Amino acid sequence: MSVINQPITIKSVTIPNRIGMSPMCQYSASHGLANDWHFVHYATRAVGGAGLIILEAAAVTPEGRITPYDLGLWNDEQITELHKITGFIHQQGAVAGIQLAHAGRKASHDSPANGGKQLSAEEGGWQTVAPSAISFYPEETAPHELDKNEIKTIIEQFKAATVRAKQAGFKIVEIHAAHGYLIHQFLSPLSNKRTDEYGGRFENRIRLVLEITAAVQCVWPADYPLFVRLSATDWTDGGWSLEETVELSRILQQQGVDLIDCSSGGNVAAAQIPVGSGYQVHFSEAIKKAGVPTAAVGLITSLEQITEILEDDKADLVLLGRELLRNPYFALTATFKTEEEISWPVPYLRAK
């Protein structure tokens, strides 16, 4: 059996192959509610052969949305439409996961299609929050610095959203601690200037992600996988580093996290990132060499790339983003001429 077609079992959940869909915001929700767009978008990728479908960042509170158009899991009303999506994904033999998130200082923005600028209160925006009152862009309104009681509230919001994720039928939860959003803001000394137990030295800056992880584990089934997405570097001197990411990954594994979804950047507006084909794979490789299971992401576009990453033990899973936006059936079509093919949906067998 080819390495791409090898199932991977994490706790009680078996992912049928090593190709997954990376969480990508659709900016198409209203009041955090999924709709027909989300159903068709995610269902199509499951039909297209991806073994794991991770839904986009779902905000754990309205104030944690990047834009007014983000998905949410802050109330029970949001469960119903998500349950329809997970049900269909699982009918196709794929596994449904969801990313739980809080945008912190990067919240209250318009959608990228509309320019992505920070929204004022008059434009429907809201006060953002962060570990320190430092804005992402200098011209933006500074976020409110969270006090300890407010931090506790956010931890409880992640916990409550996890309960709803289980009720919505998800089998994997991913905590979003990357891309310059709230948890990443606490991790990086460039955005976290606190002098209490949540700031300063490494052990303090990682405290929030460990407390959120512990809260999530209190309510997430012990036999279901738990992922954490990390930005492996800020791509900026003095920022969050790969060495810190490796150490945090080991600690998270000891705490019961099953896999690190390895991305990078997003916390420094002026960072110079050498974007290119597979440019983030070496982060996944470094963490996996430390003994922690990983998923690789970052402009991975071909069957040959995926095969090389898996055969060279640089990751346990490969999550595709833009390539699956361009071609929802990548997993089917990319393996069409190989000796082994990912299982095709019965209604599509005539196309083989």
Protein backbone atom coordinates (compact mmCIF):
# COMPACT_ATOMS: atom_id res chain seq x y z
CA MET A 1 0.00 0.00 0.00
CA SER A 2 1.32 3.45 -0.92
CA VAL A 3 2.16 5.75 1.96
CA ILE A 4 -0.59 8.20 0.98
CA ASN A 5 -3.25 5.50 1.22
CA GLN A 6 -2.13 4.17 4.58
CA PRO A 7 -4.78 4.84 7.24
CA ILE A 8 -3.66 6.48 10.45
CA THR A 9 -5.36 5.74 13.76
CA ILE A 10 -5.19 8.32 16.52
CA LYS A 11 -6.86 7.08 19.69
CA SER A 12 -10.24 5.70 18.56
CA VAL A 13 -10.38 7.62 15.27
CA THR A 14 -9.04 6.24 11.99
CA ILE A 15 -8.32 8.67 9.16
CA PRO A 16 -8.51 6.63 5.93
CA ASN A 17 -5.57 8.29 4.16
CA ARG A 18 -2.85 10.88 4.77
CA ILE A 19 -4.36 13.77 2.77
CA GLY A 20 -6.38 16.29 4.78
CA MET A 21 -7.96 19.68 4.29
CA SER A 22 -6.37 22.52 6.20
CA PRO A 23 -8.75 24.91 8.01
CA MET A 24 -9.36 27.98 5.83
CA CYS A 25 -11.76 30.78 6.73
CA GLN A 26 -14.58 31.21 4.23
CA TYR A 27 -15.86 34.52 5.64
CA SER A 28 -19.34 33.46 4.60
CA ALA A 29 -21.21 33.06 7.90
CA SER A 30 -23.79 35.31 9.53
CA HIS A 31 -23.94 35.49 13.34
CA GLY A 32 -21.49 32.57 13.39
CA LEU A 33 -23.94 30.25 11.64
CA ALA A 34 -22.90 27.82 8.91
CA ASN A 35 -25.04 27.82 5.78
CA ASP A 36 -25.38 26.14 2.38
CA TRP A 37 -22.01 27.48 1.25
CA HIS A 38 -20.24 25.75 4.11
CA PHE A 39 -22.12 22.50 3.53
CA VAL A 40 -21.25 22.35 -0.17
CA HIS A 41 -17.67 23.52 0.40
CA TYR A 42 -16.78 20.90 3.00
CA ALA A 43 -18.95 18.11 1.63
CA THR A 44 -17.32 18.41 -1.78
CA ARG A 45 -13.82 17.91 -0.35
CA ALA A 46 -15.00 14.82 1.51
CA VAL A 47 -16.48 13.44 -1.72
CA GLY A 48 -13.17 14.39 -3.35
CA GLY A 49 -11.26 11.88 -1.28
CA ALA A 50 -9.59 13.90 1.48
CA GLY A 51 -9.38 11.68 4.55
CA LEU A 52 -9.59 14.52 7.07
CA ILE A 53 -11.65 17.68 6.75
CA ILE A 54 -10.81 20.36 9.34
CA LEU A 55 -13.42 23.10 9.31
CA GLU A 56 -12.31 26.69 9.49
CA ALA A 57 -11.71 28.65 12.68
CA ALA A 58 -14.87 28.78 14.76
CA ALA A 59 -14.82 31.65 17.25
CA VAL A 60 -15.46 30.72 20.87
CA THR A 61 -16.98 34.16 21.49
CA PRO A 62 -18.37 36.87 19.16
CA GLU A 63 -15.48 39.15 20.15
CA GLY A 64 -13.06 36.43 19.03
CA ARG A 65 -14.08 36.57 15.39
CA ILE A 66 -11.60 37.84 12.83
CA THR A 67 -14.51 39.30 10.88
CA PRO A 68 -18.29 39.51 11.33
CA TYR A 69 -18.47 36.69 8.79
CA ASP A 70 -16.63 33.99 10.78
CA LEU A 71 -18.08 30.70 11.95
CA GLY A 72 -18.78 30.42 15.65
CA LEU A 73 -19.45 27.92 18.40
CA TRP A 74 -20.41 30.31 21.17
CA ASN A 75 -24.08 29.29 21.31
CA ASP A 76 -26.16 26.16 20.84
CA GLU A 77 -27.97 27.53 17.78
CA GLN A 78 -24.73 27.13 15.83
CA ILE A 79 -24.64 23.38 16.40
CA THR A 80 -27.46 22.35 14.04
CA GLU A 81 -25.96 23.29 10.66
CA LEU A 82 -22.52 22.04 11.68
CA HIS A 83 -24.06 18.69 12.60
CA LYS A 84 -25.41 18.35 9.04
CA ILE A 85 -21.91 18.93 7.69
CA THR A 86 -20.19 16.44 9.98
CA GLY A 87 -22.84 13.83 9.27
CA PHE A 88 -22.23 14.03 5.52
CA ILE A 89 -18.44 14.06 5.88
CA HIS A 90 -18.58 10.89 7.97
CA GLN A 91 -20.94 9.24 5.48
CA GLN A 92 -18.16 9.61 2.88
CA GLY A 93 -15.69 7.79 5.13
CA ALA A 94 -13.72 10.92 5.97
CA VAL A 95 -13.21 12.42 9.44
CA ALA A 96 -14.55 15.84 10.45
CA GLY A 97 -12.54 18.15 12.68
CA ILE A 98 -12.95 21.76 13.69
CA GLN A 99 -10.57 24.51 14.73
CA LEU A 100 -11.53 26.53 17.82
CA ALA A 101 -10.18 30.06 17.87
CA HIS A 102 -10.04 33.54 19.33
CA ALA A 103 -8.53 36.26 17.13
CA GLY A 104 -7.45 38.58 19.95
CA ARG A 105 -6.05 41.85 18.60
CA LYS A 106 -6.63 40.65 15.01
CA ALA A 107 -10.40 40.57 15.52
CA SER A 108 -12.96 43.15 14.34
CA HIS A 109 -11.76 43.38 10.74
CA ASP A 110 -13.61 43.40 7.45
CA SER A 111 -13.29 40.37 5.21
CA PRO A 112 -10.17 40.15 3.01
CA ALA A 113 -12.37 40.52 -0.08
CA ASN A 114 -13.46 43.92 1.26
CA GLY A 115 -9.96 45.07 2.09
CA GLY A 116 -9.60 43.56 5.54
CA LYS A 117 -9.32 46.84 7.43
CA GLN A 118 -10.11 47.19 11.12
CA LEU A 119 -13.79 48.00 11.67
CA SER A 120 -14.84 50.88 13.89
CA ALA A 121 -17.84 50.64 16.20
CA GLU A 122 -19.83 52.64 13.65
CA GLU A 123 -18.95 50.05 11.02
CA GLY A 124 -20.04 47.14 13.20
CA GLY A 125 -16.69 46.53 14.85
CA TRP A 126 -15.90 45.90 18.51
CA GLN A 127 -13.16 46.34 21.09
CA THR A 128 -10.37 43.82 20.61
CA VAL A 129 -8.40 42.16 23.39
CA ALA A 130 -4.83 40.92 23.75
CA PRO A 131 -2.17 40.03 26.32
CA SER A 132 -0.83 43.58 26.01
CA ALA A 133 -2.22 46.81 24.58
CA ILE A 134 -0.17 46.56 21.38
CA SER A 135 -1.95 46.75 18.04
CA PHE A 136 -1.03 44.52 15.08
CA TYR A 137 -0.72 47.52 12.75
CA PRO A 138 0.50 50.81 14.29
CA GLU A 139 -2.43 52.75 12.85
CA GLU A 140 -5.05 50.47 14.39
CA THR A 141 -6.86 51.02 17.67
CA ALA A 142 -4.93 49.33 20.46
CA PRO A 143 -6.50 46.22 22.01
CA HIS A 144 -7.66 46.06 25.60
CA GLU A 145 -5.15 44.28 27.83
CA LEU A 146 -6.86 41.27 29.38
CA ASP A 147 -6.94 40.97 33.15
CA LYS A 148 -6.77 37.61 34.88
CA ASN A 149 -10.53 37.27 35.30
CA GLU A 150 -11.02 37.96 31.59
CA ILE A 151 -8.41 35.33 30.76
CA LYS A 152 -10.33 32.83 32.88
CA THR A 153 -13.52 33.71 30.99
CA ILE A 154 -11.85 33.02 27.63
CA ILE A 155 -10.58 29.67 28.89
CA GLU A 156 -14.15 28.77 29.86
CA GLN A 157 -15.35 29.88 26.42
CA PHE A 158 -12.95 27.43 24.76
CA LYS A 159 -14.26 24.74 27.09
CA ALA A 160 -17.90 25.49 26.29
CA ALA A 161 -17.19 25.56 22.54
CA THR A 162 -15.56 22.14 22.86
CA VAL A 163 -18.76 20.72 24.34
CA ARG A 164 -20.66 22.10 21.35
CA ALA A 165 -18.09 20.66 18.94
CA LYS A 166 -18.79 17.21 20.35
CA GLN A 167 -22.54 17.78 20.09
CA ALA A 168 -22.08 18.87 16.47
CA GLY A 169 -20.48 15.51 15.66
CA PHE A 170 -16.83 16.43 15.27
CA LYS A 171 -14.27 13.73 16.01
CA ILE A 172 -11.21 16.01 16.16
CA VAL A 173 -10.78 19.39 17.80
CA GLU A 174 -7.86 21.64 16.92
CA ILE A 175 -6.93 24.53 19.23
CA HIS A 176 -5.78 27.47 17.10
CA ALA A 177 -2.59 28.81 18.67
CA ALA A 178 -1.04 30.16 15.46
CA HIS A 179 -1.18 32.95 12.87
CA GLY A 180 -0.98 35.84 15.32
CA TYR A 181 -4.31 35.15 16.97
CA LEU A 182 -4.87 35.38 20.71
CA ILE A 183 -2.98 32.32 21.97
CA HIS A 184 -0.05 33.06 19.65
CA GLN A 185 -0.07 36.65 20.94
CA PHE A 186 0.54 35.27 24.42
CA LEU A 187 3.33 32.98 23.17
CA SER A 188 5.36 35.67 21.43
CA PRO A 189 7.47 38.16 23.41
CA LEU A 190 6.83 40.67 20.63
CA SER A 191 3.13 40.89 21.45
CA ASN A 192 3.21 39.82 25.11
CA LYS A 193 4.81 42.41 27.42
CA ARG A 194 3.03 41.28 30.58
CA THR A 195 4.84 41.15 33.91
CA ASP A 196 2.49 38.69 35.64
CA GLU A 197 2.42 34.89 35.41
CA TYR A 198 1.23 35.08 31.77
CA GLY A 199 4.23 37.06 30.50
CA GLY A 200 7.98 37.24 30.49
CA ARG A 201 9.76 33.91 30.55
CA PHE A 202 8.83 30.97 28.32
CA GLU A 203 7.01 29.06 31.08
CA ASN A 204 4.69 32.03 31.60
CA ARG A 205 4.01 32.80 27.95
CA ILE A 206 2.90 29.20 27.29
CA ARG A 207 0.61 29.20 30.33
CA LEU A 208 -2.55 30.20 28.43
CA VAL A 209 -2.31 27.48 25.79
CA LEU A 210 -1.68 24.88 28.50
CA GLU A 211 -4.66 26.09 30.54
CA ILE A 212 -6.93 26.11 27.48
CA THR A 213 -5.73 22.63 26.56
CA ALA A 214 -6.47 21.35 30.05
CA ALA A 215 -9.94 22.93 30.01
CA VAL A 216 -10.71 21.41 26.61
CA GLN A 217 -9.58 17.98 27.79
CA CYS A 218 -12.01 18.15 30.72
CA VAL A 219 -14.94 17.93 28.29
CA TRP A 220 -13.50 16.43 25.08
CA PRO A 221 -13.83 12.62 24.91
CA ALA A 222 -10.60 10.98 26.03
CA ASP A 223 -10.66 8.64 23.02
CA TYR A 224 -10.99 11.48 20.47
CA PRO A 225 -7.90 13.21 19.06
CA LEU A 226 -6.86 16.71 20.11
CA PHE A 227 -4.65 18.79 17.79
CA VAL A 228 -2.97 22.16 18.34
CA ARG A 229 -1.95 24.44 15.47
CA LEU A 230 1.23 26.37 16.18
CA SER A 231 3.14 29.01 14.24
CA ALA A 232 6.66 27.61 14.48
CA THR A 233 8.28 31.03 14.13
CA ASP A 234 7.43 34.73 13.98
CA TRP A 235 10.05 35.09 11.19
CA THR A 236 11.39 38.02 13.21
CA ASP A 237 14.40 38.39 15.50
CA GLY A 238 13.40 38.33 19.15
CA GLY A 239 10.06 36.68 18.39
CA TRP A 240 8.61 33.23 18.95
CA SER A 241 11.08 30.65 17.63
CA LEU A 242 11.26 27.11 16.29
CA GLU A 243 13.23 26.04 19.36
CA GLU A 244 10.43 27.26 21.60
CA THR A 245 7.87 25.56 19.37
CA VAL A 246 9.66 22.23 19.66
CA GLU A 247 9.79 22.54 23.44
CA LEU A 248 6.12 23.56 23.67
CA SER A 249 5.18 20.65 21.38
CA ARG A 250 6.88 18.21 23.76
CA ILE A 251 5.02 19.73 26.71
CA LEU A 252 1.69 19.60 24.88
CA GLN A 253 2.31 15.96 24.00
CA GLN A 254 2.98 15.20 27.66
CA GLN A 255 -0.31 16.94 28.44
CA GLY A 256 -2.16 14.64 26.03
CA VAL A 257 -2.19 16.54 22.72
CA ASP A 258 -2.01 14.07 19.85
CA LEU A 259 -0.65 16.11 16.94
CA ILE A 260 0.87 19.50 16.16
CA ASP A 261 -0.39 21.21 13.00
CA CYS A 262 2.76 23.09 11.93
CA SER A 263 2.34 26.51 10.35
CA SER A 264 4.22 29.80 10.84
CA GLY A 265 4.01 33.58 10.96
CA GLY A 266 1.03 35.87 11.31
CA ASN A 267 2.02 37.78 14.44
CA VAL A 268 4.31 40.46 12.98
CA ALA A 269 2.91 42.62 10.21
CA ALA A 270 6.33 43.47 8.74
CA ALA A 271 7.81 39.96 8.90
CA GLN A 272 9.69 38.89 5.78
CA ILE A 273 8.47 35.36 5.07
CA PRO A 274 10.19 33.33 2.33
CA VAL A 275 6.97 31.96 0.90
CA GLY A 276 7.49 29.16 -1.60
CA SER A 277 6.65 25.58 -2.39
CA GLY A 278 6.68 23.53 0.81
CA TYR A 279 8.32 26.37 2.75
CA GLN A 280 6.93 25.24 6.11
CA VAL A 281 7.60 21.50 5.89
CA HIS A 282 10.93 21.74 7.72
CA PHE A 283 9.05 22.95 10.81
CA SER A 284 6.95 19.80 10.80
CA GLU A 285 10.07 17.73 10.29
CA ALA A 286 11.86 19.33 13.25
CA ILE A 287 8.93 18.73 15.61
CA LYS A 288 8.44 15.17 14.39
CA LYS A 289 12.14 14.45 14.97
CA ALA A 290 11.51 15.50 18.58
CA GLY A 291 9.04 12.62 18.83
CA VAL A 292 5.79 14.52 18.37
CA PRO A 293 3.32 13.59 15.58
CA THR A 294 2.77 16.40 13.07
CA ALA A 295 0.83 17.65 10.09
CA ALA A 296 2.69 19.54 7.35
CA VAL A 297 1.21 22.52 5.51
CA GLY A 298 2.35 25.32 3.21
CA LEU A 299 1.99 25.48 -0.58
CA ILE A 300 2.03 21.73 -1.05
CA THR A 301 0.51 21.11 -4.46
CA SER A 302 1.51 17.75 -5.89
CA LEU A 303 1.28 14.04 -5.25
CA GLU A 304 5.07 13.86 -5.51
CA GLN A 305 5.52 16.43 -2.71
CA ILE A 306 3.08 14.62 -0.45
CA THR A 307 4.75 11.28 -1.09
CA GLU A 308 8.22 12.68 -0.33
CA ILE A 309 7.06 14.33 2.92
CA LEU A 310 5.47 11.14 4.18
CA GLU A 311 8.14 8.69 2.99
CA ASP A 312 10.91 10.83 4.49
CA ASP A 313 9.03 10.92 7.81
CA LYS A 314 8.67 14.71 7.83
CA ALA A 315 5.02 14.51 8.89
CA ASP A 316 2.25 12.05 9.71
CA LEU A 317 -0.38 13.93 7.73
CA VAL A 318 -0.29 16.45 4.91
CA LEU A 319 -2.95 19.17 4.99
CA LEU A 320 -3.71 20.95 1.74
CA GLY A 321 -5.14 24.45 1.53
CA ARG A 322 -5.13 26.41 -1.70
CA GLU A 323 -4.75 23.27 -3.81
CA LEU A 324 -8.05 21.95 -2.44
CA LEU A 325 -9.70 25.31 -3.16
CA ARG A 326 -8.60 24.96 -6.77
CA ASN A 327 -9.37 21.26 -7.04
CA PRO A 328 -11.76 19.72 -4.50
CA TYR A 329 -11.10 16.31 -6.07
CA PHE A 330 -7.32 16.47 -5.77
CA ALA A 331 -7.13 13.29 -3.70
CA LEU A 332 -9.04 11.35 -6.36
CA THR A 333 -7.46 12.82 -9.47
CA ALA A 334 -3.88 12.92 -8.20
CA THR A 335 -3.89 9.19 -7.54
CA PHE A 336 -5.94 8.26 -10.60
CA LYS A 337 -3.00 6.89 -12.59
CA THR A 338 -1.17 5.26 -9.71
CA GLU A 339 -1.31 1.57 -8.94
CA GLU A 340 -3.38 2.33 -5.85
CA GLU A 341 -6.18 4.85 -5.74
CA ILE A 342 -7.99 6.49 -2.90
CA SER A 343 -11.46 4.94 -2.63
CA TRP A 344 -13.90 6.58 -5.04
CA PRO A 345 -17.55 7.39 -4.20
CA VAL A 346 -19.81 4.81 -5.81
CA PRO A 347 -21.78 7.38 -7.91
CA TYR A 348 -18.47 8.53 -9.46
CA LEU A 349 -17.04 5.12 -10.38
CA ARG A 350 -17.94 5.59 -14.06
CA ALA A 351 -15.37 8.43 -14.18
CA LYS A 352 -12.46 6.13 -13.40
